[in-house]
Amino acid sequence: MLLKEFAGQTLTMRGIYEQHNADTPYIKKNYKNVLLELEEEGKIAASNHRKGTFGDSVMAIFPKL
């Protein structure tokens, strides 16, 4: 869902959460977990951050579709 909605964009984790979570049952931790999974799977790139974490200011880089 995030790959499609944010294709070709670079946003902070907080920006993704703020733009996407309205009218969804997801909390911030859900977004952090899925962004970590997408990064580990090589589906997105991210700015430097500690392994196993995805802080509010970490930039997520989504590829174009």
C-alpha atoms as a PDB file:
ATOM      1  CA  MET A   1       0.000   0.000   0.000  1.00  0.00           C
ATOM      2  CA  LEU A   2       2.774   2.476   0.947  1.00  0.00           C
ATOM      3  CA  LEU A   3       4.891   1.548  -2.088  1.00  0.00           C
ATOM      4  CA  LYS A   4       2.020   2.504  -4.385  1.00  0.00           C
ATOM      5  CA  GLU A   5       0.879   5.636  -2.565  1.00  0.00           C
ATOM      6  CA  PHE A   6       4.353   7.168  -2.134  1.00  0.00           C
ATOM      7  CA  ALA A   7       5.984   5.927  -5.379  1.00  0.00           C
ATOM      8  CA  GLY A   8       8.780   8.242  -6.499  1.00  0.00           C
ATOM      9  CA  GLN A   9       8.737  10.279  -3.286  1.00  0.00           C
ATOM     10  CA  THR A  10      11.150  10.834  -0.406  1.00  0.00           C
ATOM     11  CA  LEU A  11       9.551  11.518   2.960  1.00  0.00           C
ATOM     12  CA  THR A  12      10.356  11.265   6.642  1.00  0.00           C
ATOM     13  CA  MET A  13       8.758   8.474   8.626  1.00  0.00           C
ATOM     14  CA  ARG A  14       6.714  11.109  10.459  1.00  0.00           C
ATOM     15  CA  GLY A  15       5.534  12.611   7.161  1.00  0.00           C
ATOM     16  CA  ILE A  16       4.418   9.217   5.909  1.00  0.00           C
ATOM     17  CA  TYR A  17       2.551   8.567   9.145  1.00  0.00           C
ATOM     18  CA  GLU A  18       0.862  11.969   9.151  1.00  0.00           C
ATOM     19  CA  GLN A  19      -0.222  11.721   5.503  1.00  0.00           C
ATOM     20  CA  HIS A  20      -1.407   8.124   5.598  1.00  0.00           C
ATOM     21  CA  ASN A  21      -2.819   7.234   9.012  1.00  0.00           C
ATOM     22  CA  ALA A  22      -6.063   9.253   8.881  1.00  0.00           C
ATOM     23  CA  ASP A  23      -9.056   6.929   8.869  1.00  0.00           C
ATOM     24  CA  THR A  24      -6.873   3.830   9.344  1.00  0.00           C
ATOM     25  CA  PRO A  25      -6.424   1.602  12.395  1.00  0.00           C
ATOM     26  CA  TYR A  26      -2.614   1.888  12.145  1.00  0.00           C
ATOM     27  CA  ILE A  27      -0.385   3.462  14.779  1.00  0.00           C
ATOM     28  CA  LYS A  28       3.093   4.936  14.406  1.00  0.00           C
ATOM     29  CA  LYS A  29       4.754   1.664  15.447  1.00  0.00           C
ATOM     30  CA  ASN A  30       3.000  -0.136  12.566  1.00  0.00           C
ATOM     31  CA  TYR A  31       4.536   2.312  10.093  1.00  0.00           C
ATOM     32  CA  LYS A  32       8.006   1.991  11.609  1.00  0.00           C
ATOM     33  CA  ASN A  33       7.802  -1.806  11.415  1.00  0.00           C
ATOM     34  CA  VAL A  34       6.617  -1.922   7.815  1.00  0.00           C
ATOM     35  CA  LEU A  35       9.233   0.630   6.703  1.00  0.00           C
ATOM     36  CA  LEU A  36      11.957  -1.494   8.319  1.00  0.00           C
ATOM     37  CA  GLU A  37      10.621  -4.571   6.509  1.00  0.00           C
ATOM     38  CA  LEU A  38      10.499  -2.752   3.171  1.00  0.00           C
ATOM     39  CA  GLU A  39      14.084  -1.554   3.659  1.00  0.00           C
ATOM     40  CA  GLU A  40      15.325  -5.033   4.600  1.00  0.00           C
ATOM     41  CA  GLU A  41      13.613  -6.467   1.507  1.00  0.00           C
ATOM     42  CA  GLY A  42      15.300  -3.820  -0.666  1.00  0.00           C
ATOM     43  CA  LYS A  43      11.985  -2.299  -1.724  1.00  0.00           C
ATOM     44  CA  ILE A  44      12.832   1.168  -0.354  1.00  0.00           C
ATOM     45  CA  ALA A  45      16.020   2.990   0.603  1.00  0.00           C
ATOM     46  CA  ALA A  46      16.454   4.987   3.791  1.00  0.00           C
ATOM     47  CA  SER A  47      18.773   7.634   5.177  1.00  0.00           C
ATOM     48  CA  ASN A  48      21.303   6.607   7.799  1.00  0.00           C
ATOM     49  CA  HIS A  49      19.776   5.204  10.947  1.00  0.00           C
ATOM     50  CA  ARG A  50      20.529   2.670  13.623  1.00  0.00           C
ATOM     51  CA  LYS A  51      19.853  -0.922  12.617  1.00  0.00           C
ATOM     52  CA  GLY A  52      16.465  -2.134  13.815  1.00  0.00           C
ATOM     53  CA  THR A  53      15.069   1.372  14.265  1.00  0.00           C
ATOM     54  CA  PHE A  54      13.224   3.801  12.024  1.00  0.00           C
ATOM     55  CA  GLY A  55      13.000   7.145  13.796  1.00  0.00           C
ATOM     56  CA  ASP A  56      10.602   9.963  12.960  1.00  0.00           C
ATOM     57  CA  SER A  57      13.248  11.907  11.011  1.00  0.00           C
ATOM     58  CA  VAL A  58      14.579   8.976   8.954  1.00  0.00           C
ATOM     59  CA  MET A  59      13.989   9.608   5.245  1.00  0.00           C
ATOM     60  CA  ALA A  60      12.319   6.827   3.280  1.00  0.00           C
ATOM     61  CA  ILE A  61      13.022   6.827  -0.469  1.00  0.00           C
ATOM     62  CA  PHE A  62      10.325   5.099  -2.500  1.00  0.00           C
ATOM     63  CA  PRO A  63      11.133   3.959  -6.041  1.00  0.00           C
ATOM     64  CA  LYS A  64       8.960   4.985  -8.983  1.00  0.00           C
ATOM     65  CA  LEU A  65       6.511   2.346 -10.144  1.00  0.00           C
END
